[in-house]
Structure formats: C-alpha cells, structure tokens
Amino acid sequence: MKALTQKRYGGPETLDFTDVARPAATGDRVLVRVRAASVNAYDWHVMRGDPRAARLTFGLRGPKAAIRGRDFAGTVEAVGPDVTLFQVGDEVFGDTVHAGGTLAEYVAVPQDRMAIRPPAITAEQAAAMPLAGVTASQGMRSLRPGQKALIIGGSGGVGTFAVQMGKSKEAEVTAVCSTRNVDLLRSLGVDHVIDYRKEEVGGRYDLVFDLVGSHSLGGLRRLVAPGGTLVLSGGGVYRGGSLVGPMRLIIQAQLASRFVAERIEILSAVTDHASLTALAALVAGGTVKPVIDRTFPLPAAADAIRYLETEHARAKVVITV
C-alpha cells in the first residue's frame, strides 16, 4: 500500500510517499480502508520532533510511528478475533493517537479508538472530527447556559468546533481571530468577534479557552471572571526551535494552579470510543458541523502538513485517499 513515511526528524523534505506493507487486523484491531484523513498541529510537531522535550514521547532519534497522521475515516475491511464493536463494511472514523499511520491506504486501529461515522456526512467531514472535535467538546464541558465564553483561536480546527458547541449550550460566545477569518466565525453564529489585529482582547468571561498560547498566564487570568475557568490547550503560534515550546505556558499554569483563585484546566483530550460516539451524536443532530479549509490528495500529504505549519490554516485540512 502507499503511505507517507518518515525515518528522521526534519521538515516536509523528510517525508516519503512510498510503498509499505499493509497492516493486519489482529487482536482487538480493526483494519480500515482509509477514505480520508486530516492533519493537526500535532503532525508537524511529530515531523520535526519539536519541541525537543516531546521526543520523550515521539521517539528520541526519530518518530516511533513510521507513518504520519492520526485522524481518519474509512470502511472496515477486516476485524481481529477480539473485536466486538464493529463488523466488515461499517463506515467509521477515529484517532490512532501516538500510533499514527493514517496517511496511508489502510490502517489497523484498536476498536476503542474509533466510532461509527454519522451517515449524513462525508468521509472528508468525518476525518476532520476526531482530535479537534473531541478537544473542543472536552474544553467546553464546564460551560453552562447564559455564561460567557471566550475562544482564543476561534477559527482553527478546534476553535470552529468550540464556538459551535458554545452556542449549542446557549452561552454568549466571543471568538478571537485575524481579519481574514472574521466572516467565517460570524457564519458559525458567534455573538462577538475580536480581530486581534485591530483591537485588544478584553472583558471577563466564565470560560476562557486558549488554543493559541500567545498571551501570558497573567494576561489570560485577567480575562477570567470570578469563579470562572481557564482552559489551556496547545500553542498554535509556536513555530519551533526550543526545548519546551508551547509547553512553557502549560508548565507555568500547572505550577500556579494551586495558588490562584481561577480554576485552571490543562486539557489533554481523550479520543476513545465513548468520546467519539458522543461527538458523532452532536454532528448527527446538527449541533455542530465540521469546517474544512482545504483538501489534498494522499500523494500531496506532505504539502498539506507544510500548509498547516506555515500558512496559518483555518478550520481543518483534510487528505483524500
């Protein structure tokens, strides 16, 4: 089968589109014929082994997972002897997490890392959902009707899900983005859009969900209303080349969380069968919809990762297989 592989850390030039052995459905694994995949900031972090501290997870000298990609949607081709949740022919979507392997024609996935695809959406839309949608859902879970939410990075993959989830909870949602993304966020129903190129981010909010990492911890805390929650996830403006990168803000928040009045939550999304099934229900019910920026064919998957890393992609970037 064809796949996008990598042996050493570096830029897109280290990625090879080549032939590899097709995986097998063993144990509790499901063999999926991949129809679409999507890329996340996670993928270029793994590609570059950056920040360097993350190599303790990714692999010390090169990526442990030879094939890039973690989000996918496709058709069940075969099931292992211990699989109980799926059968051949099911349309599924999921997230392989650190195992990677989805920028390929086939992937073998533990059954707990996938769910049935909502029938009303395409494989491309389903592939855009797993990591971004579950991260948004878990980041917005403490929000209550009538409360005020601020989404910093509202036009990104996670942000476009988060703003929709905030509105579905009957909250007052404010999103921060650049000028070119203002209309996109308005089309998703946000109450207020802050164009950070033209105005400062201000106000007080019951929930502040930071997906960018461009503010100091003190600056973020000043945006949180008394009794409110600050949720930290990722660090989108980070462009590589340090020991800890966007983890610096996370470390600072962990150290400060015991001594400040605000509740600080460090988000590490859990994409399992239960969370993916719950996300599928939201999409099937029309509560949220995946938003896709661009699509690339599988042979151009390296270009998709390059685009995500360097061009400030909005919403999701999807690979068709």
C-alpha atoms as a PDB file:
ATOM      1  CA  MET A   1       0.000   0.000   0.000  1.00  0.00           C
ATOM      2  CA  LYS A   2       1.009   3.653  -0.373  1.00  0.00           C
ATOM      3  CA  ALA A   3       1.769   5.749   2.716  1.00  0.00           C
ATOM      4  CA  LEU A   4       3.520   8.929   3.865  1.00  0.00           C
ATOM      5  CA  THR A   5       6.501   7.755   5.901  1.00  0.00           C
ATOM      6  CA  GLN A   6       9.339   9.318   7.867  1.00  0.00           C
ATOM      7  CA  LYS A   7      12.595   7.987   9.337  1.00  0.00           C
ATOM      8  CA  ARG A   8      14.253  11.114  10.725  1.00  0.00           C
ATOM      9  CA  TYR A   9      13.105  14.410  12.181  1.00  0.00           C
ATOM     10  CA  GLY A  10      13.010  17.484   9.975  1.00  0.00           C
ATOM     11  CA  GLY A  11      10.802  19.407   7.568  1.00  0.00           C
ATOM     12  CA  PRO A  12       8.477  18.137   4.834  1.00  0.00           C
ATOM     13  CA  GLU A  13      11.550  17.082   2.843  1.00  0.00           C
ATOM     14  CA  THR A  14      11.981  14.174   5.283  1.00  0.00           C
ATOM     15  CA  LEU A  15       8.573  12.735   4.326  1.00  0.00           C
ATOM     16  CA  ASP A  16       8.444   9.998   1.694  1.00  0.00           C
ATOM     17  CA  PHE A  17       5.392   8.811  -0.233  1.00  0.00           C
ATOM     18  CA  THR A  18       6.239   5.181  -0.710  1.00  0.00           C
ATOM     19  CA  ASP A  19       5.125   1.541  -0.623  1.00  0.00           C
ATOM     20  CA  VAL A  20       4.862  -0.206   2.756  1.00  0.00           C
ATOM     21  CA  ALA A  21       3.345  -3.453   3.980  1.00  0.00           C
ATOM     22  CA  ARG A  22      -0.377  -3.401   4.655  1.00  0.00           C
ATOM     23  CA  PRO A  23      -1.196  -3.827   8.367  1.00  0.00           C
ATOM     24  CA  ALA A  24      -3.284  -6.722   9.659  1.00  0.00           C
ATOM     25  CA  ALA A  25      -6.391  -6.971  11.821  1.00  0.00           C
ATOM     26  CA  THR A  26      -5.083  -8.813  14.898  1.00  0.00           C
ATOM     27  CA  GLY A  27      -6.418  -8.987  18.444  1.00  0.00           C
ATOM     28  CA  ASP A  28      -8.786  -6.072  19.049  1.00  0.00           C
ATOM     29  CA  ARG A  29      -7.620  -4.211  15.957  1.00  0.00           C
ATOM     30  CA  VAL A  30      -9.811  -3.225  13.027  1.00  0.00           C
ATOM     31  CA  LEU A  31      -8.364  -2.949   9.534  1.00  0.00           C
ATOM     32  CA  VAL A  32      -9.779   0.190   7.910  1.00  0.00           C
ATOM     33  CA  ARG A  33      -9.608   1.139   4.252  1.00  0.00           C
ATOM     34  CA  VAL A  34      -8.855   4.834   4.670  1.00  0.00           C
ATOM     35  CA  ARG A  35     -11.088   7.167   2.643  1.00  0.00           C
ATOM     36  CA  ALA A  36      -9.928  10.431   4.203  1.00  0.00           C
ATOM     37  CA  ALA A  37      -7.605  11.695   6.913  1.00  0.00           C
ATOM     38  CA  SER A  38      -6.864  15.074   8.425  1.00  0.00           C
ATOM     39  CA  VAL A  39      -3.763  16.757   9.766  1.00  0.00           C
ATOM     40  CA  ASN A  40      -3.316  18.594  13.044  1.00  0.00           C
ATOM     41  CA  ALA A  41      -0.622  20.764  14.596  1.00  0.00           C
ATOM     42  CA  TYR A  42       0.401  17.534  16.318  1.00  0.00           C
ATOM     43  CA  ASP A  43       1.523  16.147  12.954  1.00  0.00           C
ATOM     44  CA  TRP A  44       4.071  18.840  12.226  1.00  0.00           C
ATOM     45  CA  HIS A  45       5.311  18.715  15.820  1.00  0.00           C
ATOM     46  CA  VAL A  46       5.991  14.988  15.353  1.00  0.00           C
ATOM     47  CA  MET A  47       7.509  15.585  11.903  1.00  0.00           C
ATOM     48  CA  ARG A  48      10.059  17.984  13.359  1.00  0.00           C
ATOM     49  CA  GLY A  49      10.437  16.342  16.779  1.00  0.00           C
ATOM     50  CA  ASP A  50       9.698  19.754  18.199  1.00  0.00           C
ATOM     51  CA  PRO A  51       9.764  20.863  20.953  1.00  0.00           C
ATOM     52  CA  ARG A  52      12.719  18.652  21.742  1.00  0.00           C
ATOM     53  CA  ALA A  53      11.291  17.595  25.110  1.00  0.00           C
ATOM     54  CA  ALA A  54       8.399  15.936  23.269  1.00  0.00           C
ATOM     55  CA  ARG A  55      10.836  13.422  21.751  1.00  0.00           C
ATOM     56  CA  LEU A  56      10.491  11.506  25.003  1.00  0.00           C
ATOM     57  CA  THR A  57       7.026  10.652  23.636  1.00  0.00           C
ATOM     58  CA  PHE A  58       7.574  10.858  19.874  1.00  0.00           C
ATOM     59  CA  GLY A  59      10.884   8.949  19.795  1.00  0.00           C
ATOM     60  CA  LEU A  60      14.397  10.027  20.758  1.00  0.00           C
ATOM     61  CA  ARG A  61      16.173   9.765  17.381  1.00  0.00           C
ATOM     62  CA  GLY A  62      13.227   9.669  15.023  1.00  0.00           C
ATOM     63  CA  PRO A  63       9.463   9.138  15.105  1.00  0.00           C
ATOM     64  CA  LYS A  64       8.405   5.840  16.661  1.00  0.00           C
ATOM     65  CA  ALA A  65       5.452   5.790  14.268  1.00  0.00           C
ATOM     66  CA  ALA A  66       6.852   5.495  10.749  1.00  0.00           C
ATOM     67  CA  ILE A  67       3.638   6.635   9.016  1.00  0.00           C
ATOM     68  CA  ARG A  68       2.348  10.145   9.690  1.00  0.00           C
ATOM     69  CA  GLY A  69      -1.243  11.075  10.562  1.00  0.00           C
ATOM     70  CA  ARG A  70      -3.662  10.170  13.358  1.00  0.00           C
ATOM     71  CA  ASP A  71      -7.223  11.228  12.317  1.00  0.00           C
ATOM     72  CA  PHE A  72      -9.046   9.075   9.775  1.00  0.00           C
ATOM     73  CA  ALA A  73     -12.369   7.996   8.276  1.00  0.00           C
ATOM     74  CA  GLY A  74     -12.962   4.914   6.195  1.00  0.00           C
ATOM     75  CA  THR A  75     -14.553   1.494   5.745  1.00  0.00           C
ATOM     76  CA  VAL A  76     -13.928  -1.583   7.895  1.00  0.00           C
ATOM     77  CA  GLU A  77     -12.087  -4.133   5.748  1.00  0.00           C
ATOM     78  CA  ALA A  78     -11.429  -6.830   8.378  1.00  0.00           C
ATOM     79  CA  VAL A  79     -11.718  -7.294  12.150  1.00  0.00           C
ATOM     80  CA  GLY A  80      -9.474  -9.068  14.635  1.00  0.00           C
ATOM     81  CA  PRO A  81     -10.742 -12.025  16.685  1.00  0.00           C
ATOM     82  CA  ASP A  82     -11.279  -9.887  19.789  1.00  0.00           C
ATOM     83  CA  VAL A  83     -13.284  -7.122  18.072  1.00  0.00           C
ATOM     84  CA  THR A  84     -16.880  -6.793  19.335  1.00  0.00           C
ATOM     85  CA  LEU A  85     -17.902  -3.271  18.346  1.00  0.00           C
ATOM     86  CA  PHE A  86     -17.533  -3.328  14.546  1.00  0.00           C
ATOM     87  CA  GLN A  87     -18.028  -5.537  11.540  1.00  0.00           C
ATOM     88  CA  VAL A  88     -16.833  -5.591   7.934  1.00  0.00           C
ATOM     89  CA  GLY A  89     -18.466  -2.834   5.900  1.00  0.00           C
ATOM     90  CA  ASP A  90     -19.003  -0.366   8.764  1.00  0.00           C
ATOM     91  CA  GLU A  91     -18.229   3.265   7.978  1.00  0.00           C
ATOM     92  CA  VAL A  92     -16.039   4.538  10.809  1.00  0.00           C
ATOM     93  CA  PHE A  93     -13.863   7.411  11.953  1.00  0.00           C
ATOM     94  CA  GLY A  94     -11.313   7.748  14.712  1.00  0.00           C
ATOM     95  CA  ASP A  95      -7.912   8.758  16.082  1.00  0.00           C
ATOM     96  CA  THR A  96      -4.909   6.438  16.396  1.00  0.00           C
ATOM     97  CA  VAL A  97      -3.261   8.874  18.866  1.00  0.00           C
ATOM     98  CA  HIS A  98       0.517   8.308  19.147  1.00  0.00           C
ATOM     99  CA  ALA A  99       0.434   5.179  16.962  1.00  0.00           C
ATOM    100  CA  GLY A 100      -0.033   7.296  13.813  1.00  0.00           C
ATOM    101  CA  GLY A 101      -0.436   5.572  10.491  1.00  0.00           C
ATOM    102  CA  THR A 102      -3.480   7.240   8.887  1.00  0.00           C
ATOM    103  CA  LEU A 103      -1.811   8.981   5.928  1.00  0.00           C
ATOM    104  CA  ALA A 104      -1.979   5.666   4.119  1.00  0.00           C
ATOM    105  CA  GLU A 105      -4.377   3.497   2.160  1.00  0.00           C
ATOM    106  CA  TYR A 106      -5.020   1.208   5.153  1.00  0.00           C
ATOM    107  CA  VAL A 107      -4.636   1.499   8.915  1.00  0.00           C
ATOM    108  CA  ALA A 108      -5.115  -1.030  11.740  1.00  0.00           C
ATOM    109  CA  VAL A 109      -6.771   0.611  14.755  1.00  0.00           C
ATOM    110  CA  PRO A 110      -7.723  -0.644  18.230  1.00  0.00           C
ATOM    111  CA  GLN A 111     -11.522  -0.750  18.356  1.00  0.00           C
ATOM    112  CA  ASP A 112     -11.638   1.669  21.298  1.00  0.00           C
ATOM    113  CA  ARG A 113     -10.097   4.413  19.142  1.00  0.00           C
ATOM    114  CA  MET A 114     -12.964   4.647  16.659  1.00  0.00           C
ATOM    115  CA  ALA A 115     -16.739   5.014  16.264  1.00  0.00           C
ATOM    116  CA  ILE A 116     -19.427   4.712  13.586  1.00  0.00           C
ATOM    117  CA  ARG A 117     -19.429   7.659  11.171  1.00  0.00           C
ATOM    118  CA  PRO A 118     -22.611   9.751  11.188  1.00  0.00           C
ATOM    119  CA  PRO A 119     -24.454   8.737   7.990  1.00  0.00           C
ATOM    120  CA  ALA A 120     -25.320  12.262   6.873  1.00  0.00           C
ATOM    121  CA  ILE A 121     -21.725  13.458   6.471  1.00  0.00           C
ATOM    122  CA  THR A 122     -18.924  12.593   4.081  1.00  0.00           C
ATOM    123  CA  ALA A 123     -15.738  10.708   4.886  1.00  0.00           C
ATOM    124  CA  GLU A 124     -13.841  14.003   4.482  1.00  0.00           C
ATOM    125  CA  GLN A 125     -16.023  15.696   7.085  1.00  0.00           C
ATOM    126  CA  ALA A 126     -15.727  12.722   9.429  1.00  0.00           C
ATOM    127  CA  ALA A 127     -11.926  12.734   9.137  1.00  0.00           C
ATOM    128  CA  ALA A 128     -11.939  16.377  10.277  1.00  0.00           C
ATOM    129  CA  MET A 129     -13.705  15.477  13.507  1.00  0.00           C
ATOM    130  CA  PRO A 130     -11.732  13.221  15.885  1.00  0.00           C
ATOM    131  CA  LEU A 131      -8.939  15.153  17.620  1.00  0.00           C
ATOM    132  CA  ALA A 132     -10.308  18.668  17.018  1.00  0.00           C
ATOM    133  CA  GLY A 133     -13.918  17.830  17.843  1.00  0.00           C
ATOM    134  CA  VAL A 134     -13.165  15.857  20.991  1.00  0.00           C
ATOM    135  CA  THR A 135     -10.705  18.518  22.200  1.00  0.00           C
ATOM    136  CA  ALA A 136     -13.373  21.186  21.725  1.00  0.00           C
ATOM    137  CA  SER A 137     -16.037  19.118  23.473  1.00  0.00           C
ATOM    138  CA  GLN A 138     -13.854  18.418  26.483  1.00  0.00           C
ATOM    139  CA  GLY A 139     -12.621  22.004  26.635  1.00  0.00           C
ATOM    140  CA  MET A 140     -16.178  23.391  26.661  1.00  0.00           C
ATOM    141  CA  ARG A 141     -17.710  20.862  29.071  1.00  0.00           C
ATOM    142  CA  SER A 142     -17.858  23.187  32.106  1.00  0.00           C
ATOM    143  CA  LEU A 143     -19.765  25.914  30.201  1.00  0.00           C
ATOM    144  CA  ARG A 144     -23.368  26.487  31.308  1.00  0.00           C
ATOM    145  CA  PRO A 145     -26.341  28.248  29.647  1.00  0.00           C
ATOM    146  CA  GLY A 146     -26.192  32.016  29.975  1.00  0.00           C
ATOM    147  CA  GLN A 147     -22.475  32.102  30.732  1.00  0.00           C
ATOM    148  CA  LYS A 148     -19.868  33.975  28.713  1.00  0.00           C
ATOM    149  CA  ALA A 149     -17.135  32.112  26.836  1.00  0.00           C
ATOM    150  CA  LEU A 150     -14.010  33.408  25.112  1.00  0.00           C
ATOM    151  CA  ILE A 151     -12.355  31.212  22.474  1.00  0.00           C
ATOM    152  CA  ILE A 152      -8.837  32.398  21.618  1.00  0.00           C
ATOM    153  CA  GLY A 153      -8.047  30.869  18.240  1.00  0.00           C
ATOM    154  CA  GLY A 154     -11.675  30.500  17.253  1.00  0.00           C
ATOM    155  CA  SER A 155     -11.018  29.977  13.534  1.00  0.00           C
ATOM    156  CA  GLY A 156      -8.732  26.956  13.905  1.00  0.00           C
ATOM    157  CA  GLY A 157      -9.597  23.286  13.774  1.00  0.00           C
ATOM    158  CA  VAL A 158     -10.539  23.063  17.445  1.00  0.00           C
ATOM    159  CA  GLY A 159     -11.895  26.597  17.585  1.00  0.00           C
ATOM    160  CA  THR A 160     -14.501  26.131  14.852  1.00  0.00           C
ATOM    161  CA  PHE A 161     -15.922  23.195  16.800  1.00  0.00           C
ATOM    162  CA  ALA A 162     -15.673  25.019  20.143  1.00  0.00           C
ATOM    163  CA  VAL A 163     -17.631  28.109  19.076  1.00  0.00           C
ATOM    164  CA  GLN A 164     -20.462  25.936  17.757  1.00  0.00           C
ATOM    165  CA  MET A 165     -20.542  23.920  20.960  1.00  0.00           C
ATOM    166  CA  GLY A 166     -20.652  27.103  22.996  1.00  0.00           C
ATOM    167  CA  LYS A 167     -23.664  28.352  21.067  1.00  0.00           C
ATOM    168  CA  SER A 168     -25.373  24.973  21.406  1.00  0.00           C
ATOM    169  CA  LYS A 169     -25.131  25.431  25.190  1.00  0.00           C
ATOM    170  CA  GLU A 170     -26.927  28.799  24.881  1.00  0.00           C
ATOM    171  CA  ALA A 171     -23.842  30.674  26.041  1.00  0.00           C
ATOM    172  CA  GLU A 172     -22.649  34.091  24.900  1.00  0.00           C
ATOM    173  CA  VAL A 173     -19.619  33.285  22.759  1.00  0.00           C
ATOM    174  CA  THR A 174     -16.786  35.642  21.857  1.00  0.00           C
ATOM    175  CA  ALA A 175     -14.074  34.410  19.497  1.00  0.00           C
ATOM    176  CA  VAL A 176     -10.646  35.842  18.696  1.00  0.00           C
ATOM    177  CA  CYS A 177      -9.173  35.592  15.187  1.00  0.00           C
ATOM    178  CA  SER A 178      -7.357  37.527  12.468  1.00  0.00           C
ATOM    179  CA  THR A 179      -9.108  39.819   9.989  1.00  0.00           C
ATOM    180  CA  ARG A 180      -9.472  37.227   7.217  1.00  0.00           C
ATOM    181  CA  ASN A 181     -11.401  34.854   9.494  1.00  0.00           C
ATOM    182  CA  VAL A 182     -13.976  37.255  10.934  1.00  0.00           C
ATOM    183  CA  ASP A 183     -16.677  36.324   8.400  1.00  0.00           C
ATOM    184  CA  LEU A 184     -16.085  32.606   8.960  1.00  0.00           C
ATOM    185  CA  LEU A 185     -16.730  32.943  12.686  1.00  0.00           C
ATOM    186  CA  ARG A 186     -19.786  35.107  12.162  1.00  0.00           C
ATOM    187  CA  SER A 187     -21.175  32.426   9.851  1.00  0.00           C
ATOM    188  CA  LEU A 188     -20.826  29.936  12.724  1.00  0.00           C
ATOM    189  CA  GLY A 189     -23.063  32.074  14.921  1.00  0.00           C
ATOM    190  CA  VAL A 190     -20.663  33.641  17.429  1.00  0.00           C
ATOM    191  CA  ASP A 191     -22.022  36.632  19.309  1.00  0.00           C
ATOM    192  CA  HIS A 192     -18.852  38.733  19.193  1.00  0.00           C
ATOM    193  CA  VAL A 193     -15.653  38.541  17.141  1.00  0.00           C
ATOM    194  CA  ILE A 194     -12.424  40.200  18.262  1.00  0.00           C
ATOM    195  CA  ASP A 195      -9.998  40.861  15.411  1.00  0.00           C
ATOM    196  CA  TYR A 196      -6.692  40.787  17.269  1.00  0.00           C
ATOM    197  CA  ARG A 197      -5.033  42.778  14.500  1.00  0.00           C
ATOM    198  CA  LYS A 198      -7.315  45.728  15.253  1.00  0.00           C
ATOM    199  CA  GLU A 199      -8.208  45.569  18.942  1.00  0.00           C
ATOM    200  CA  GLU A 200      -7.051  44.212  22.256  1.00  0.00           C
ATOM    201  CA  VAL A 201      -8.659  41.165  23.793  1.00  0.00           C
ATOM    202  CA  GLY A 202     -10.558  42.312  26.866  1.00  0.00           C
ATOM    203  CA  GLY A 203     -13.548  41.656  29.107  1.00  0.00           C
ATOM    204  CA  ARG A 204     -14.246  38.986  31.721  1.00  0.00           C
ATOM    205  CA  TYR A 205     -15.558  35.522  30.915  1.00  0.00           C
ATOM    206  CA  ASP A 206     -16.818  32.483  32.775  1.00  0.00           C
ATOM    207  CA  LEU A 207     -14.766  30.262  30.465  1.00  0.00           C
ATOM    208  CA  VAL A 208     -11.583  31.229  28.627  1.00  0.00           C
ATOM    209  CA  PHE A 209     -10.445  28.546  26.182  1.00  0.00           C
ATOM    210  CA  ASP A 210      -6.952  29.366  24.882  1.00  0.00           C
ATOM    211  CA  LEU A 211      -5.922  27.478  21.756  1.00  0.00           C
ATOM    212  CA  VAL A 212      -3.079  29.764  20.713  1.00  0.00           C
ATOM    213  CA  GLY A 213      -0.659  30.385  23.573  1.00  0.00           C
ATOM    214  CA  SER A 214       0.223  33.948  22.598  1.00  0.00           C
ATOM    215  CA  HIS A 215      -0.900  35.511  25.905  1.00  0.00           C
ATOM    216  CA  SER A 216       0.956  35.380  29.197  1.00  0.00           C
ATOM    217  CA  LEU A 217      -0.569  33.407  32.017  1.00  0.00           C
ATOM    218  CA  GLY A 218      -1.229  36.642  33.887  1.00  0.00           C
ATOM    219  CA  GLY A 219      -2.939  38.149  30.867  1.00  0.00           C
ATOM    220  CA  LEU A 220      -5.167  35.101  30.490  1.00  0.00           C
ATOM    221  CA  ARG A 221      -6.086  35.097  34.171  1.00  0.00           C
ATOM    222  CA  ARG A 222      -7.238  38.722  33.923  1.00  0.00           C
ATOM    223  CA  LEU A 223      -9.809  37.608  31.341  1.00  0.00           C
ATOM    224  CA  VAL A 224     -11.398  35.080  33.704  1.00  0.00           C
ATOM    225  CA  ALA A 225     -14.415  36.216  35.751  1.00  0.00           C
ATOM    226  CA  PRO A 226     -14.584  35.371  39.470  1.00  0.00           C
ATOM    227  CA  GLY A 227     -15.362  31.686  39.805  1.00  0.00           C
ATOM    228  CA  GLY A 228     -14.502  31.111  36.149  1.00  0.00           C
ATOM    229  CA  THR A 229     -12.293  28.586  34.379  1.00  0.00           C
ATOM    230  CA  LEU A 230      -9.215  28.931  32.199  1.00  0.00           C
ATOM    231  CA  VAL A 231      -8.677  26.003  29.810  1.00  0.00           C
ATOM    232  CA  LEU A 232      -5.305  25.669  28.081  1.00  0.00           C
ATOM    233  CA  SER A 233      -4.733  23.519  25.022  1.00  0.00           C
ATOM    234  CA  GLY A 234      -1.881  23.649  22.546  1.00  0.00           C
ATOM    235  CA  GLY A 235       0.117  26.645  21.422  1.00  0.00           C
ATOM    236  CA  GLY A 236      -0.634  27.491  17.829  1.00  0.00           C
ATOM    237  CA  VAL A 237       1.697  30.479  17.359  1.00  0.00           C
ATOM    238  CA  TYR A 238       4.770  28.459  18.295  1.00  0.00           C
ATOM    239  CA  ARG A 239       6.972  27.923  15.240  1.00  0.00           C
ATOM    240  CA  GLY A 240       9.600  25.535  16.533  1.00  0.00           C
ATOM    241  CA  GLY A 241      13.161  25.549  17.777  1.00  0.00           C
ATOM    242  CA  SER A 242      13.156  25.226  21.562  1.00  0.00           C
ATOM    243  CA  LEU A 243      13.319  22.676  24.344  1.00  0.00           C
ATOM    244  CA  VAL A 244       9.768  23.039  25.670  1.00  0.00           C
ATOM    245  CA  GLY A 245       7.992  25.335  23.165  1.00  0.00           C
ATOM    246  CA  PRO A 246       4.276  25.776  23.928  1.00  0.00           C
ATOM    247  CA  MET A 247       4.706  23.544  26.973  1.00  0.00           C
ATOM    248  CA  ARG A 248       6.200  26.548  28.801  1.00  0.00           C
ATOM    249  CA  LEU A 249       2.776  28.106  29.377  1.00  0.00           C
ATOM    250  CA  ILE A 250       1.384  24.731  30.439  1.00  0.00           C
ATOM    251  CA  ILE A 251       4.185  24.248  32.976  1.00  0.00           C
ATOM    252  CA  GLN A 252       3.672  27.743  34.372  1.00  0.00           C
ATOM    253  CA  ALA A 253      -0.070  27.112  34.706  1.00  0.00           C
ATOM    254  CA  GLN A 254       0.453  23.794  36.470  1.00  0.00           C
ATOM    255  CA  LEU A 255       2.753  25.434  38.998  1.00  0.00           C
ATOM    256  CA  ALA A 256       0.380  28.373  39.558  1.00  0.00           C
ATOM    257  CA  SER A 257      -2.902  26.459  39.658  1.00  0.00           C
ATOM    258  CA  ARG A 258      -2.709  25.690  43.386  1.00  0.00           C
ATOM    259  CA  PHE A 259      -2.210  29.310  44.355  1.00  0.00           C
ATOM    260  CA  VAL A 260      -4.676  31.302  42.200  1.00  0.00           C
ATOM    261  CA  ALA A 261      -8.399  31.924  42.522  1.00  0.00           C
ATOM    262  CA  GLU A 262      -9.252  30.869  38.991  1.00  0.00           C
ATOM    263  CA  ARG A 263      -9.732  27.228  38.067  1.00  0.00           C
ATOM    264  CA  ILE A 264      -7.045  26.295  35.543  1.00  0.00           C
ATOM    265  CA  GLU A 265      -7.543  23.192  33.427  1.00  0.00           C
ATOM    266  CA  ILE A 266      -4.727  21.726  31.339  1.00  0.00           C
ATOM    267  CA  LEU A 267      -6.536  19.895  28.584  1.00  0.00           C
ATOM    268  CA  SER A 268      -5.296  16.599  27.194  1.00  0.00           C
ATOM    269  CA  ALA A 269      -8.099  15.276  25.032  1.00  0.00           C
ATOM    270  CA  VAL A 270      -9.066  11.614  25.349  1.00  0.00           C
ATOM    271  CA  THR A 271     -10.267  10.300  21.989  1.00  0.00           C
ATOM    272  CA  ASP A 272     -11.820   6.938  22.806  1.00  0.00           C
ATOM    273  CA  HIS A 273     -14.927   5.108  21.601  1.00  0.00           C
ATOM    274  CA  ALA A 274     -17.188   6.881  24.103  1.00  0.00           C
ATOM    275  CA  SER A 275     -15.976  10.417  23.319  1.00  0.00           C
ATOM    276  CA  LEU A 276     -16.035   9.799  19.562  1.00  0.00           C
ATOM    277  CA  THR A 277     -19.556   8.351  19.747  1.00  0.00           C
ATOM    278  CA  ALA A 278     -20.730  11.387  21.713  1.00  0.00           C
ATOM    279  CA  LEU A 279     -19.143  13.680  19.110  1.00  0.00           C
ATOM    280  CA  ALA A 280     -20.853  11.739  16.302  1.00  0.00           C
ATOM    281  CA  ALA A 281     -24.202  12.287  18.042  1.00  0.00           C
ATOM    282  CA  LEU A 282     -23.633  16.055  18.141  1.00  0.00           C
ATOM    283  CA  VAL A 283     -22.842  16.110  14.427  1.00  0.00           C
ATOM    284  CA  ALA A 284     -25.709  13.783  13.506  1.00  0.00           C
ATOM    285  CA  GLY A 285     -28.107  16.003  15.447  1.00  0.00           C
ATOM    286  CA  GLY A 286     -26.953  19.129  13.638  1.00  0.00           C
ATOM    287  CA  THR A 287     -25.469  20.722  16.761  1.00  0.00           C
ATOM    288  CA  VAL A 288     -22.070  21.150  15.132  1.00  0.00           C
ATOM    289  CA  LYS A 289     -20.641  20.686  11.656  1.00  0.00           C
ATOM    290  CA  PRO A 290     -17.031  20.116  10.590  1.00  0.00           C
ATOM    291  CA  VAL A 291     -15.484  23.044   8.729  1.00  0.00           C
ATOM    292  CA  ILE A 292     -12.846  22.254   6.090  1.00  0.00           C
ATOM    293  CA  ASP A 293     -10.304  24.777   4.816  1.00  0.00           C
ATOM    294  CA  ARG A 294      -8.572  22.762   2.068  1.00  0.00           C
ATOM    295  CA  THR A 295      -8.241  19.196   0.837  1.00  0.00           C
ATOM    296  CA  PHE A 296      -5.154  17.483  -0.590  1.00  0.00           C
ATOM    297  CA  PRO A 297      -4.812  14.080  -2.286  1.00  0.00           C
ATOM    298  CA  LEU A 298      -2.763  11.456  -0.436  1.00  0.00           C
ATOM    299  CA  PRO A 299       0.314  11.815  -2.707  1.00  0.00           C
ATOM    300  CA  ALA A 300       0.421  15.505  -1.684  1.00  0.00           C
ATOM    301  CA  ALA A 301       0.029  14.860   2.058  1.00  0.00           C
ATOM    302  CA  ALA A 302       3.465  16.367   2.757  1.00  0.00           C
ATOM    303  CA  ASP A 303       2.222  19.598   1.171  1.00  0.00           C
ATOM    304  CA  ALA A 304      -0.791  19.505   3.497  1.00  0.00           C
ATOM    305  CA  ILE A 305       1.463  19.367   6.556  1.00  0.00           C
ATOM    306  CA  ARG A 306       3.602  22.166   5.121  1.00  0.00           C
ATOM    307  CA  TYR A 307       0.466  24.251   4.535  1.00  0.00           C
ATOM    308  CA  LEU A 308      -0.773  23.649   8.066  1.00  0.00           C
ATOM    309  CA  GLU A 309       2.580  24.581   9.575  1.00  0.00           C
ATOM    310  CA  THR A 310       3.379  27.712   7.578  1.00  0.00           C
ATOM    311  CA  GLU A 311       0.190  29.210   6.142  1.00  0.00           C
ATOM    312  CA  HIS A 312      -1.968  29.744   9.249  1.00  0.00           C
ATOM    313  CA  ALA A 313      -4.618  27.328   8.008  1.00  0.00           C
ATOM    314  CA  ARG A 314      -8.106  27.880   9.326  1.00  0.00           C
ATOM    315  CA  ALA A 315     -10.531  25.137  10.295  1.00  0.00           C
ATOM    316  CA  LYS A 316      -9.395  21.675   9.155  1.00  0.00           C
ATOM    317  CA  VAL A 317      -7.033  20.458   6.436  1.00  0.00           C
ATOM    318  CA  VAL A 318      -8.140  17.115   5.002  1.00  0.00           C
ATOM    319  CA  ILE A 319      -6.414  14.422   2.947  1.00  0.00           C
ATOM    320  CA  THR A 320      -8.457  12.388   0.439  1.00  0.00           C
ATOM    321  CA  VAL A 321      -7.359   8.810  -0.193  1.00  0.00           C
END
